[in-house]
Amino acid sequence: MHPVTRDSARLTLRELSPDDVDDVLAIYGSTKATEHLSFPPRSREEVAGIVSRSIASATARPREEYALAVTRRDSADLIGFARLAIDPHQQRAATIGAALRPEAWGVGYGRETLSLLFGLAFADLDLHRVWAARSPLNTAAEKMMLAAGMVEEGRIRGHVHTRGAWRDSIVYGILRDEWQG
């Protein structure tokens, strides 16, 4: 499925373009925005590579990754990066993630982004299950995932090696019938 565009009241998910590198860098290059992610801040060169690979993966057949820009509908400003990746280890399932610019935190954009990803997963791709993971210290992500309708499913011990140490992940999931309900 290409191109992807999904709208909510305040946000749009859209395909990335080469012009988005600096806006994605404002997220992935930010110490604050990446504090709880599975990687340290990225350089401009690394972000340019991420955007380039994301654009290339958008036309793959079958498409297995949806790396999308999160923009404000009223201004088209890029405020986030969202990703849905088909999970090769589960039937009709995907993992999702999102990161927003720190100045966009605290107003419900995260929950709204997850809702847009759920629409892509369940309505457009006919998936059965979507899951996500967070750092145990990221309580804002916990609130966001629960508010979006996800259910905490457990802890993966020693799941991510980041910043020189192993870190656990807390896993959340939502099923298609839960989303429809």
Protein backbone atom coordinates (compact mmCIF):
# COMPACT_ATOMS: atom_id res chain seq x y z
CA MET A 1 0.00 0.00 0.00
CA HIS A 2 1.58 3.24 -1.18
CA PRO A 3 1.24 6.11 -0.61
CA VAL A 4 -0.17 6.12 2.92
CA THR A 5 -2.12 9.09 4.19
CA ARG A 6 -4.30 8.89 7.30
CA ASP A 7 -5.93 11.85 9.04
CA SER A 8 -7.33 12.49 12.49
CA ALA A 9 -8.84 15.67 13.88
CA ARG A 10 -5.43 17.29 14.41
CA LEU A 11 -2.82 15.09 12.71
CA THR A 12 -1.86 13.48 9.42
CA LEU A 13 0.31 10.45 8.83
CA ARG A 14 2.06 10.68 5.46
CA GLU A 15 4.97 9.20 3.59
CA LEU A 16 8.38 10.70 4.29
CA SER A 17 10.16 12.84 1.70
CA PRO A 18 13.83 13.83 1.32
CA ASP A 19 12.86 17.30 2.59
CA ASP A 20 11.99 15.81 6.01
CA VAL A 21 15.56 15.08 7.12
CA ASP A 22 16.00 18.19 9.27
CA ASP A 23 12.59 17.78 10.90
CA VAL A 24 13.28 14.12 11.72
CA LEU A 25 16.71 15.20 13.02
CA ALA A 26 14.91 17.52 15.47
CA ILE A 27 13.49 14.31 17.00
CA TYR A 28 16.13 11.63 16.46
CA GLY A 29 19.00 14.05 17.11
CA SER A 30 17.48 15.30 20.36
CA THR A 31 18.86 14.00 23.67
CA LYS A 32 15.50 14.69 25.31
CA ALA A 33 13.40 12.99 22.59
CA THR A 34 15.60 9.87 22.51
CA GLU A 35 16.09 9.54 26.28
CA HIS A 36 13.88 6.43 26.50
CA LEU A 37 14.36 5.10 22.96
CA SER A 38 16.52 2.10 22.10
CA PHE A 39 19.26 4.27 20.59
CA PRO A 40 21.22 7.43 21.45
CA PRO A 41 20.73 10.67 19.50
CA ARG A 42 21.51 10.30 15.79
CA SER A 43 23.66 12.50 13.58
CA ARG A 44 22.29 14.29 10.53
CA GLU A 45 24.02 11.73 8.31
CA GLU A 46 22.39 8.85 10.22
CA VAL A 47 18.96 10.49 10.01
CA ALA A 48 19.40 11.12 6.28
CA GLY A 49 20.10 7.39 5.91
CA ILE A 50 16.99 6.49 7.94
CA VAL A 51 14.80 8.76 5.83
CA SER A 52 16.33 7.44 2.60
CA ARG A 53 15.81 3.79 3.62
CA SER A 54 12.26 4.59 4.75
CA ILE A 55 11.44 6.15 1.39
CA ALA A 56 12.90 3.13 -0.43
CA SER A 57 11.00 0.64 1.75
CA ALA A 58 7.72 2.41 0.97
CA THR A 59 7.62 0.92 -2.53
CA ALA A 60 8.84 -2.58 -1.62
CA ARG A 61 6.54 -5.44 -2.58
CA PRO A 62 5.39 -6.76 -0.25
CA ARG A 63 5.67 -3.69 1.92
CA GLU A 64 6.84 -4.68 5.38
CA GLU A 65 7.62 -1.28 6.91
CA TYR A 66 5.63 1.92 7.13
CA ALA A 67 7.89 4.72 8.36
CA LEU A 68 5.75 7.83 8.28
CA ALA A 69 5.84 11.51 9.10
CA VAL A 70 3.42 12.78 11.74
CA THR A 71 2.31 16.29 10.83
CA ARG A 72 -0.14 18.84 12.18
CA ARG A 73 -3.12 19.15 9.87
CA ASP A 74 -3.45 22.90 10.39
CA SER A 75 0.16 23.72 9.46
CA ALA A 76 1.69 20.54 7.92
CA ASP A 77 4.59 20.92 10.39
CA LEU A 78 6.35 17.60 10.99
CA ILE A 79 6.12 16.88 14.72
CA GLY A 80 6.83 13.16 14.80
CA PHE A 81 8.08 9.96 13.25
CA ALA A 82 5.85 6.87 13.37
CA ARG A 83 6.63 3.33 12.33
CA LEU A 84 4.63 0.17 11.74
CA ALA A 85 6.62 -2.96 10.87
CA ILE A 86 5.06 -6.26 9.93
CA ASP A 87 6.17 -8.83 12.50
CA PRO A 88 7.63 -11.86 10.67
CA HIS A 89 7.30 -14.01 13.80
CA GLN A 90 3.53 -13.63 14.23
CA GLN A 91 0.57 -14.10 11.92
CA ARG A 92 -1.09 -10.86 10.78
CA ALA A 93 0.75 -8.78 13.38
CA ALA A 94 2.92 -5.69 13.50
CA THR A 95 5.01 -3.74 15.93
CA ILE A 96 4.59 0.02 16.17
CA GLY A 97 6.53 2.94 17.57
CA ALA A 98 6.45 6.70 17.51
CA ALA A 99 8.60 9.60 18.64
CA LEU A 100 7.50 13.22 18.84
CA ARG A 101 9.33 16.51 19.13
CA PRO A 102 9.50 17.42 22.84
CA GLU A 103 7.55 20.64 22.22
CA ALA A 104 4.64 18.47 20.98
CA TRP A 105 4.47 16.41 24.18
CA GLY A 106 1.64 16.52 26.69
CA VAL A 107 -1.29 17.45 24.43
CA GLY A 108 -2.47 14.02 23.26
CA TYR A 109 -0.56 13.83 19.97
CA GLY A 110 1.04 10.53 21.00
CA ARG A 111 -2.31 8.85 21.64
CA GLU A 112 -3.67 10.32 18.42
CA THR A 113 -0.63 9.01 16.49
CA LEU A 114 -1.19 5.52 17.90
CA SER A 115 -4.84 5.69 16.87
CA LEU A 116 -3.79 6.54 13.32
CA LEU A 117 -1.36 3.61 13.32
CA PHE A 118 -4.15 1.32 14.56
CA GLY A 119 -6.34 2.46 11.65
CA LEU A 120 -3.53 1.67 9.22
CA ALA A 121 -2.95 -1.73 10.83
CA PHE A 122 -6.52 -2.91 11.25
CA ALA A 123 -8.58 -1.09 8.62
CA ASP A 124 -6.04 -0.83 5.80
CA LEU A 125 -3.77 -3.85 6.34
CA ASP A 126 -6.32 -6.22 7.91
CA LEU A 127 -3.97 -7.20 10.74
CA HIS A 128 -5.05 -9.09 13.86
CA ARG A 129 -2.61 -7.76 16.49
CA VAL A 130 -0.40 -4.74 17.07
CA TRP A 131 2.21 -4.50 19.80
CA ALA A 132 4.68 -1.95 21.14
CA ALA A 133 7.35 -1.76 23.82
CA ARG A 134 8.56 1.00 26.10
CA SER A 135 11.38 1.66 28.52
CA PRO A 136 10.34 0.92 32.12
CA LEU A 137 11.24 4.52 33.01
CA ASN A 138 9.04 6.04 30.30
CA THR A 139 5.84 6.55 32.29
CA ALA A 140 4.50 9.03 29.73
CA ALA A 141 4.54 6.25 27.10
CA GLU A 142 2.74 3.98 29.56
CA LYS A 143 -0.08 6.50 29.98
CA MET A 144 -0.24 7.12 26.23
CA MET A 145 -0.49 3.42 25.30
CA LEU A 146 -3.13 2.72 27.92
CA ALA A 147 -5.13 5.80 26.85
CA ALA A 148 -4.98 4.57 23.23
CA GLY A 149 -6.55 1.25 24.28
CA MET A 150 -3.49 -0.97 24.51
CA VAL A 151 -3.12 -3.57 27.26
CA GLU A 152 0.09 -4.18 29.20
CA GLU A 153 1.21 -7.73 28.39
CA GLY A 154 4.43 -8.10 30.34
CA ARG A 155 8.14 -7.45 30.60
CA ILE A 156 10.95 -8.65 28.35
CA ARG A 157 14.04 -8.82 30.53
CA GLY A 158 17.35 -7.60 29.11
CA HIS A 159 15.62 -6.80 25.82
CA VAL A 160 17.56 -3.79 24.51
CA HIS A 161 21.25 -2.92 24.74
CA THR A 162 21.48 0.86 24.79
CA ARG A 163 23.86 3.40 26.24
CA GLY A 164 26.23 0.67 27.38
CA ALA A 165 23.75 -1.46 29.34
CA TRP A 166 20.93 -3.96 28.91
CA ARG A 167 17.45 -2.60 29.50
CA ASP A 168 14.11 -4.32 30.00
CA SER A 169 11.07 -3.45 27.89
CA ILE A 170 7.43 -3.32 28.93
CA VAL A 171 5.20 -4.75 26.17
CA TYR A 172 1.70 -3.60 25.22
CA GLY A 173 -0.72 -4.98 22.67
CA ILE A 174 -4.09 -4.39 21.10
CA LEU A 175 -6.20 -6.82 19.06
CA ARG A 176 -8.38 -5.92 16.11
CA ASP A 177 -11.62 -6.69 17.99
CA GLU A 178 -10.50 -4.50 20.92
CA TRP A 179 -9.81 -1.65 18.50
CA GLN A 180 -13.22 -2.07 16.83
CA GLY A 181 -14.95 -2.15 20.22
